[in-house]
Amino acid sequence: MVMQTFAQVRMKTRKLPRFEPVGVDEGRVFWKKYRGNADVERMLLELAQARQTMEEIGAYFDSVRKAWEEENLGQLVAMEKIRLLLMEQDLRYRTLAGLKPPPRDADPGEPEPALVD
């Protein structure tokens, strides 16, 4: 069995068409409407899990970037691209959820509502 690198797999994937993303409120409606449908529940949980994972990756990225900057290692193109992708996903999620932009200081503010109640 030949193992492929992430980059090789990524290069083979097709770009997704533009689509209207599922917002947090819409996800909650689907969860209630299709309660008991294991396939829909699993898909919505997968969506919620992916969003949580993106948040966690963002936190790890911030730690790596801080250490990188403290060592004065210059600007790394790959890290900048990751930063931009994370910002884009965060903005998209916050827009869908109707959330305010994050505070500029270290205060995390109010907890965000969960996708699934």
N, C-alpha and C. Protein backbone atom coordinates (compact mmCIF):
# COMPACT_ATOMS: atom_id res chain seq x y z
N MET A 1 0.84 -1.18 0.00
CA MET A 1 0.00 0.00 0.00
C MET A 1 0.89 1.25 0.00
N VAL A 2 0.67 2.12 -0.94
CA VAL A 2 1.46 3.34 -1.06
C VAL A 2 0.78 4.45 -0.27
N MET A 3 1.52 5.04 0.64
CA MET A 3 0.98 6.14 1.44
C MET A 3 1.22 7.46 0.72
N GLN A 4 0.22 8.31 0.70
CA GLN A 4 0.35 9.62 0.08
C GLN A 4 0.50 10.67 1.16
N THR A 5 1.24 11.70 0.84
CA THR A 5 1.37 12.81 1.78
C THR A 5 0.10 13.65 1.70
N PHE A 6 -0.10 14.47 2.73
CA PHE A 6 -1.25 15.36 2.75
C PHE A 6 -1.25 16.26 1.52
N ALA A 7 -0.08 16.77 1.15
CA ALA A 7 0.03 17.66 -0.01
C ALA A 7 -0.40 16.95 -1.29
N GLN A 8 -0.04 15.68 -1.44
CA GLN A 8 -0.44 14.94 -2.63
C GLN A 8 -1.95 14.74 -2.67
N VAL A 9 -2.53 14.43 -1.55
CA VAL A 9 -3.98 14.25 -1.50
C VAL A 9 -4.67 15.58 -1.75
N ARG A 10 -4.17 16.63 -1.14
CA ARG A 10 -4.75 17.98 -1.28
C ARG A 10 -4.76 18.42 -2.73
N MET A 11 -3.70 18.10 -3.47
CA MET A 11 -3.60 18.53 -4.85
C MET A 11 -4.64 17.83 -5.73
N LYS A 12 -5.12 16.66 -5.31
CA LYS A 12 -6.08 15.90 -6.10
C LYS A 12 -7.52 16.31 -5.81
N THR A 13 -7.77 16.99 -4.71
CA THR A 13 -9.14 17.35 -4.37
C THR A 13 -9.61 18.50 -5.25
N ARG A 14 -10.86 18.43 -5.58
CA ARG A 14 -11.46 19.49 -6.40
C ARG A 14 -11.93 20.62 -5.50
N LYS A 15 -11.89 21.80 -6.05
CA LYS A 15 -12.36 22.96 -5.30
C LYS A 15 -13.89 22.87 -5.20
N LEU A 16 -14.40 23.14 -4.02
CA LEU A 16 -15.84 23.10 -3.82
C LEU A 16 -16.52 24.25 -4.54
N PRO A 17 -17.72 24.02 -5.03
CA PRO A 17 -18.45 25.14 -5.65
C PRO A 17 -18.90 26.11 -4.56
N ARG A 18 -19.22 27.32 -4.95
CA ARG A 18 -19.75 28.28 -3.98
C ARG A 18 -21.11 27.77 -3.51
N PHE A 19 -21.37 27.91 -2.23
CA PHE A 19 -22.64 27.45 -1.67
C PHE A 19 -23.01 28.30 -0.47
N GLU A 20 -24.26 28.26 -0.15
CA GLU A 20 -24.76 28.97 1.03
C GLU A 20 -24.46 28.09 2.24
N PRO A 21 -23.56 28.52 3.12
CA PRO A 21 -23.19 27.67 4.26
C PRO A 21 -24.33 27.53 5.27
N VAL A 22 -24.26 26.48 6.05
CA VAL A 22 -25.25 26.23 7.10
C VAL A 22 -24.87 27.06 8.31
N GLY A 23 -25.76 27.94 8.70
CA GLY A 23 -25.53 28.77 9.88
C GLY A 23 -25.84 28.02 11.16
N VAL A 24 -25.43 28.57 12.26
CA VAL A 24 -25.65 27.93 13.56
C VAL A 24 -27.14 27.77 13.83
N ASP A 25 -27.91 28.83 13.62
CA ASP A 25 -29.36 28.74 13.85
C ASP A 25 -30.00 27.71 12.93
N GLU A 26 -29.58 27.70 11.67
CA GLU A 26 -30.11 26.73 10.72
C GLU A 26 -29.75 25.31 11.15
N GLY A 27 -28.54 25.12 11.65
CA GLY A 27 -28.13 23.81 12.15
C GLY A 27 -29.01 23.35 13.30
N ARG A 28 -29.35 24.27 14.19
CA ARG A 28 -30.23 23.93 15.31
C ARG A 28 -31.62 23.53 14.82
N VAL A 29 -32.12 24.25 13.80
CA VAL A 29 -33.43 23.91 13.22
C VAL A 29 -33.38 22.51 12.62
N PHE A 30 -32.33 22.22 11.86
CA PHE A 30 -32.17 20.88 11.27
C PHE A 30 -32.10 19.81 12.36
N TRP A 31 -31.37 20.12 13.45
CA TRP A 31 -31.21 19.15 14.53
C TRP A 31 -32.58 18.79 15.12
N LYS A 32 -33.41 19.80 15.36
CA LYS A 32 -34.73 19.55 15.93
C LYS A 32 -35.66 18.89 14.91
N LYS A 33 -35.62 19.36 13.67
CA LYS A 33 -36.51 18.86 12.61
C LYS A 33 -36.23 17.40 12.28
N TYR A 34 -34.96 17.04 12.24
CA TYR A 34 -34.57 15.69 11.83
C TYR A 34 -34.09 14.83 13.00
N ARG A 35 -34.51 15.19 14.20
CA ARG A 35 -34.13 14.43 15.40
C ARG A 35 -34.55 12.98 15.21
N GLY A 36 -33.61 12.08 15.43
CA GLY A 36 -33.90 10.66 15.24
C GLY A 36 -33.36 10.13 13.92
N ASN A 37 -33.07 11.03 12.97
CA ASN A 37 -32.46 10.61 11.70
C ASN A 37 -30.95 10.56 11.93
N ALA A 38 -30.43 9.36 12.09
CA ALA A 38 -29.02 9.19 12.47
C ALA A 38 -28.07 9.81 11.45
N ASP A 39 -28.41 9.74 10.17
CA ASP A 39 -27.52 10.30 9.14
C ASP A 39 -27.42 11.82 9.25
N VAL A 40 -28.57 12.48 9.43
CA VAL A 40 -28.57 13.94 9.55
C VAL A 40 -27.89 14.36 10.85
N GLU A 41 -28.20 13.67 11.93
CA GLU A 41 -27.56 14.00 13.21
C GLU A 41 -26.04 13.86 13.11
N ARG A 42 -25.59 12.78 12.48
CA ARG A 42 -24.15 12.54 12.32
C ARG A 42 -23.51 13.64 11.48
N MET A 43 -24.20 14.06 10.42
CA MET A 43 -23.66 15.12 9.56
C MET A 43 -23.57 16.45 10.33
N LEU A 44 -24.59 16.77 11.10
CA LEU A 44 -24.56 18.01 11.88
C LEU A 44 -23.50 17.96 12.97
N LEU A 45 -23.33 16.80 13.59
CA LEU A 45 -22.28 16.66 14.59
C LEU A 45 -20.90 16.78 13.94
N GLU A 46 -20.76 16.24 12.75
CA GLU A 46 -19.49 16.36 12.01
C GLU A 46 -19.19 17.83 11.73
N LEU A 47 -20.21 18.59 11.35
CA LEU A 47 -20.05 20.02 11.09
C LEU A 47 -19.63 20.75 12.36
N ALA A 48 -20.30 20.45 13.47
CA ALA A 48 -19.96 21.09 14.74
C ALA A 48 -18.55 20.71 15.18
N GLN A 49 -18.19 19.45 14.99
CA GLN A 49 -16.85 18.99 15.36
C GLN A 49 -15.79 19.67 14.51
N ALA A 50 -16.05 19.82 13.22
CA ALA A 50 -15.09 20.49 12.33
C ALA A 50 -14.89 21.94 12.75
N ARG A 51 -15.97 22.60 13.14
CA ARG A 51 -15.85 23.99 13.58
C ARG A 51 -15.06 24.09 14.88
N GLN A 52 -15.29 23.16 15.80
CA GLN A 52 -14.52 23.16 17.05
C GLN A 52 -13.05 22.88 16.78
N THR A 53 -12.78 21.97 15.85
CA THR A 53 -11.40 21.65 15.50
C THR A 53 -10.70 22.85 14.90
N MET A 54 -11.39 23.60 14.05
CA MET A 54 -10.80 24.81 13.46
C MET A 54 -10.44 25.81 14.56
N GLU A 55 -11.30 25.92 15.57
CA GLU A 55 -11.01 26.81 16.69
C GLU A 55 -9.77 26.36 17.44
N GLU A 56 -9.66 25.05 17.67
CA GLU A 56 -8.51 24.50 18.38
C GLU A 56 -7.23 24.69 17.57
N ILE A 57 -7.30 24.45 16.26
CA ILE A 57 -6.14 24.66 15.39
C ILE A 57 -5.72 26.12 15.45
N GLY A 58 -6.70 27.02 15.46
CA GLY A 58 -6.40 28.45 15.56
C GLY A 58 -5.65 28.79 16.83
N ALA A 59 -6.05 28.17 17.94
CA ALA A 59 -5.36 28.43 19.21
C ALA A 59 -3.92 27.91 19.16
N TYR A 60 -3.73 26.72 18.61
CA TYR A 60 -2.36 26.18 18.48
C TYR A 60 -1.53 27.06 17.55
N PHE A 61 -2.14 27.52 16.47
CA PHE A 61 -1.42 28.38 15.53
C PHE A 61 -0.96 29.65 16.23
N ASP A 62 -1.84 30.24 17.04
CA ASP A 62 -1.47 31.46 17.76
C ASP A 62 -0.25 31.22 18.65
N SER A 63 -0.21 30.06 19.31
CA SER A 63 0.94 29.72 20.17
C SER A 63 2.22 29.59 19.35
N VAL A 64 2.14 28.90 18.22
CA VAL A 64 3.31 28.72 17.36
C VAL A 64 3.78 30.06 16.82
N ARG A 65 2.84 30.88 16.37
CA ARG A 65 3.19 32.18 15.81
C ARG A 65 3.86 33.06 16.86
N LYS A 66 3.33 33.02 18.09
CA LYS A 66 3.92 33.83 19.16
C LYS A 66 5.36 33.40 19.42
N ALA A 67 5.59 32.09 19.51
CA ALA A 67 6.96 31.59 19.73
C ALA A 67 7.86 31.96 18.56
N TRP A 68 7.34 31.86 17.35
CA TRP A 68 8.10 32.19 16.14
C TRP A 68 8.53 33.66 16.18
N GLU A 69 7.59 34.53 16.52
CA GLU A 69 7.88 35.97 16.57
C GLU A 69 8.85 36.30 17.71
N GLU A 70 8.70 35.63 18.86
CA GLU A 70 9.59 35.88 19.99
C GLU A 70 11.04 35.50 19.66
N GLU A 71 11.20 34.51 18.81
CA GLU A 71 12.55 34.10 18.38
C GLU A 71 13.05 34.96 17.23
N ASN A 72 12.22 35.90 16.79
CA ASN A 72 12.57 36.81 15.69
C ASN A 72 13.06 36.04 14.45
N LEU A 73 12.23 35.07 14.04
CA LEU A 73 12.60 34.20 12.92
C LEU A 73 12.09 34.72 11.57
N GLY A 74 11.56 35.91 11.55
CA GLY A 74 11.09 36.48 10.29
C GLY A 74 9.69 36.00 9.94
N GLN A 75 9.30 36.24 8.70
CA GLN A 75 7.96 35.88 8.27
C GLN A 75 8.02 34.62 7.42
N LEU A 76 7.22 33.65 7.77
CA LEU A 76 7.16 32.39 7.05
C LEU A 76 5.88 32.39 6.21
N VAL A 77 6.01 32.21 4.91
CA VAL A 77 4.87 32.29 4.00
C VAL A 77 3.79 31.27 4.38
N ALA A 78 4.18 30.05 4.68
CA ALA A 78 3.19 29.02 5.02
C ALA A 78 2.38 29.42 6.26
N MET A 79 3.05 29.99 7.26
CA MET A 79 2.33 30.41 8.46
C MET A 79 1.37 31.55 8.14
N GLU A 80 1.78 32.44 7.27
CA GLU A 80 0.90 33.54 6.88
C GLU A 80 -0.33 33.01 6.15
N LYS A 81 -0.14 32.04 5.29
CA LYS A 81 -1.28 31.45 4.57
C LYS A 81 -2.23 30.75 5.54
N ILE A 82 -1.67 30.03 6.50
CA ILE A 82 -2.50 29.37 7.50
C ILE A 82 -3.27 30.42 8.30
N ARG A 83 -2.59 31.49 8.69
CA ARG A 83 -3.24 32.56 9.45
C ARG A 83 -4.43 33.13 8.68
N LEU A 84 -4.25 33.36 7.40
CA LEU A 84 -5.32 33.92 6.58
C LEU A 84 -6.49 32.94 6.44
N LEU A 85 -6.19 31.66 6.27
CA LEU A 85 -7.25 30.65 6.19
C LEU A 85 -8.03 30.58 7.50
N LEU A 86 -7.33 30.61 8.61
CA LEU A 86 -8.00 30.58 9.91
C LEU A 86 -8.87 31.81 10.12
N MET A 87 -8.36 32.97 9.73
CA MET A 87 -9.15 34.21 9.85
C MET A 87 -10.41 34.12 8.99
N GLU A 88 -10.26 33.61 7.78
CA GLU A 88 -11.41 33.49 6.87
C GLU A 88 -12.47 32.56 7.47
N GLN A 89 -12.05 31.42 8.01
CA GLN A 89 -13.00 30.48 8.61
C GLN A 89 -13.65 31.07 9.86
N ASP A 90 -12.87 31.77 10.67
CA ASP A 90 -13.42 32.39 11.87
C ASP A 90 -14.45 33.45 11.51
N LEU A 91 -14.13 34.28 10.54
CA LEU A 91 -15.07 35.31 10.10
C LEU A 91 -16.34 34.69 9.55
N ARG A 92 -16.19 33.65 8.74
CA ARG A 92 -17.34 32.96 8.15
C ARG A 92 -18.23 32.39 9.25
N TYR A 93 -17.62 31.73 10.23
CA TYR A 93 -18.38 31.14 11.32
C TYR A 93 -19.09 32.21 12.14
N ARG A 94 -18.38 33.27 12.49
CA ARG A 94 -18.98 34.33 13.30
C ARG A 94 -20.13 35.01 12.56
N THR A 95 -19.97 35.19 11.27
CA THR A 95 -21.04 35.79 10.47
C THR A 95 -22.26 34.89 10.48
N LEU A 96 -22.05 33.59 10.29
CA LEU A 96 -23.16 32.64 10.29
C LEU A 96 -23.86 32.58 11.63
N ALA A 97 -23.08 32.68 12.69
CA ALA A 97 -23.63 32.56 14.04
C ALA A 97 -24.22 33.88 14.53
N GLY A 98 -23.99 34.96 13.78
CA GLY A 98 -24.47 36.26 14.22
C GLY A 98 -23.71 36.76 15.43
N LEU A 99 -22.47 36.34 15.58
CA LEU A 99 -21.66 36.73 16.74
C LEU A 99 -20.90 38.01 16.47
N LYS A 100 -20.59 38.71 17.55
CA LYS A 100 -19.78 39.92 17.44
C LYS A 100 -18.33 39.52 17.16
N PRO A 101 -17.55 40.41 16.56
CA PRO A 101 -16.12 40.12 16.39
C PRO A 101 -15.47 39.90 17.75
N PRO A 102 -14.39 39.11 17.80
CA PRO A 102 -13.74 38.85 19.08
C PRO A 102 -13.16 40.13 19.66
N PRO A 103 -13.09 40.21 21.00
CA PRO A 103 -12.51 41.40 21.62
C PRO A 103 -11.03 41.52 21.27
N ARG A 104 -10.54 42.74 21.23
CA ARG A 104 -9.14 42.98 20.87
C ARG A 104 -8.18 42.65 22.02
N ASP A 105 -8.68 42.65 23.26
CA ASP A 105 -7.81 42.33 24.38
C ASP A 105 -7.88 40.84 24.69
N ALA A 106 -7.24 40.42 25.76
CA ALA A 106 -7.17 39.00 26.10
C ALA A 106 -8.45 38.48 26.74
N ASP A 107 -9.42 39.35 27.05
CA ASP A 107 -10.66 38.94 27.68
C ASP A 107 -11.51 38.14 26.69
N PRO A 108 -11.81 36.87 26.99
CA PRO A 108 -12.57 36.07 26.05
C PRO A 108 -14.04 36.46 25.95
N GLY A 109 -14.56 37.21 26.91
CA GLY A 109 -15.94 37.64 26.84
C GLY A 109 -16.91 36.51 27.16
N GLU A 110 -18.13 36.62 26.65
CA GLU A 110 -19.16 35.63 26.89
C GLU A 110 -18.89 34.36 26.10
N PRO A 111 -19.25 33.20 26.64
CA PRO A 111 -19.09 31.96 25.89
C PRO A 111 -20.03 31.94 24.69
N GLU A 112 -19.58 31.30 23.61
CA GLU A 112 -20.40 31.21 22.41
C GLU A 112 -21.43 30.11 22.57
N PRO A 113 -22.61 30.28 21.95
CA PRO A 113 -23.63 29.23 22.05
C PRO A 113 -23.18 27.99 21.29
N ALA A 114 -23.57 26.84 21.78
CA ALA A 114 -23.22 25.58 21.12
C ALA A 114 -24.10 25.39 19.89
N LEU A 115 -23.61 24.64 18.92
CA LEU A 115 -24.40 24.35 17.72
C LEU A 115 -25.56 23.45 18.08
N VAL A 116 -25.30 22.48 18.93
CA VAL A 116 -26.32 21.49 19.26
C VAL A 116 -26.66 21.60 20.73
N ASP A 117 -27.93 21.76 21.02
CA ASP A 117 -28.38 21.84 22.43
C ASP A 117 -28.72 20.47 22.95
